[in-house]
Protein backbone atom coordinates (compact mmCIF):
# COMPACT_ATOMS: atom_id res chain seq x y z
CA MET A 1 -9.68 -4.49 11.21
CA ALA A 2 -9.44 -1.83 14.14
CA GLY A 3 -6.57 -1.46 15.98
CA LYS A 4 -3.85 -2.14 13.27
CA ASN A 5 -2.36 0.39 10.73
CA ARG A 6 -2.24 -0.98 7.22
CA ILE A 7 -0.36 -0.46 4.04
CA GLU A 8 -2.51 -1.27 0.91
CA ILE A 9 -0.97 -1.93 -2.36
CA ASN A 10 -3.29 -0.65 -5.19
CA ARG A 11 -3.51 -0.49 -9.05
CA ALA A 12 -4.22 3.03 -10.67
CA LYS A 13 -6.26 3.47 -13.87
CA ASN A 14 -2.85 3.59 -15.87
CA LYS A 15 -2.19 0.19 -14.53
CA GLN A 16 0.77 1.37 -12.35
CA LEU A 17 1.04 0.52 -8.68
CA PHE A 18 0.71 2.97 -5.62
CA LEU A 19 0.66 2.54 -1.72
CA THR A 20 -2.02 3.85 0.50
CA ILE A 21 -1.23 4.09 4.26
CA LYS A 22 -4.33 3.82 6.60
CA SER A 23 -4.58 4.49 10.23
CA ALA A 24 -6.08 1.81 12.63
CA ASN A 25 -9.62 3.75 12.24
CA ASN A 26 -9.36 3.51 8.51
CA LYS A 27 -8.45 7.20 7.86
CA LYS A 28 -6.04 7.63 5.08
CA ILE A 29 -2.67 9.01 6.02
CA LEU A 30 -0.74 8.66 2.91
CA HIS A 31 -1.31 8.05 -0.78
CA SER A 32 2.19 7.64 -2.62
CA GLU A 33 3.25 8.25 -6.29
CA THR A 34 2.75 5.52 -8.82
CA TYR A 35 5.47 2.90 -9.49
CA LYS A 36 5.73 1.08 -12.95
CA SER A 37 7.08 -2.13 -11.33
CA ARG A 38 6.28 -4.36 -8.67
CA GLN A 39 9.79 -4.01 -7.20
CA GLY A 40 9.39 -0.41 -6.92
CA VAL A 41 6.31 -0.72 -5.06
CA GLU A 42 7.83 -3.38 -2.78
CA THR A 43 10.98 -1.03 -2.24
CA ALA A 44 8.10 1.66 -0.94
CA VAL A 45 6.47 -0.87 1.34
CA LYS A 46 9.83 -1.58 2.82
CA ALA A 47 10.64 1.86 3.37
CA ALA A 48 7.25 2.53 4.97
CA LYS A 49 7.69 -0.52 7.52
CA LYS A 50 10.56 1.43 9.06
CA ILE A 51 8.12 4.18 9.93
CA ILE A 52 5.03 2.04 10.76
CA LYS A 53 5.77 -0.58 13.26
CA ASN A 54 4.10 -4.10 12.49
CA PRO A 55 1.55 -2.80 9.81
CA LYS A 56 -0.85 -5.18 7.85
CA ILE A 57 0.16 -5.44 4.47
CA VAL A 58 -3.13 -5.74 2.17
CA ASP A 59 -2.44 -6.46 -1.80
CA ASN A 60 -5.35 -5.24 -3.61
CA THR A 61 -3.96 -6.25 -6.99
CA LYS A 62 -3.81 -9.93 -6.44
CA GLY A 63 -6.51 -11.78 -8.24
CA LYS A 64 -7.87 -8.91 -10.38
CA LYS A 65 -7.27 -9.33 -14.12
CA LYS A 66 -7.57 -6.55 -16.55
């Protein structure tokens, strides 16, 4: 996955969602606040995409049931 910055959507222990922005060499650049709704985190992704051009979006919450 080297060569491409990415935005990861993750779930916190309290089941809220948050973003992690990582550089092309997998270094964490930013960890966002938590969001109660999917719409909140999607708005944050949209804002981050204005700063980071053509990032890979990785949703780590898909397929995980708890």
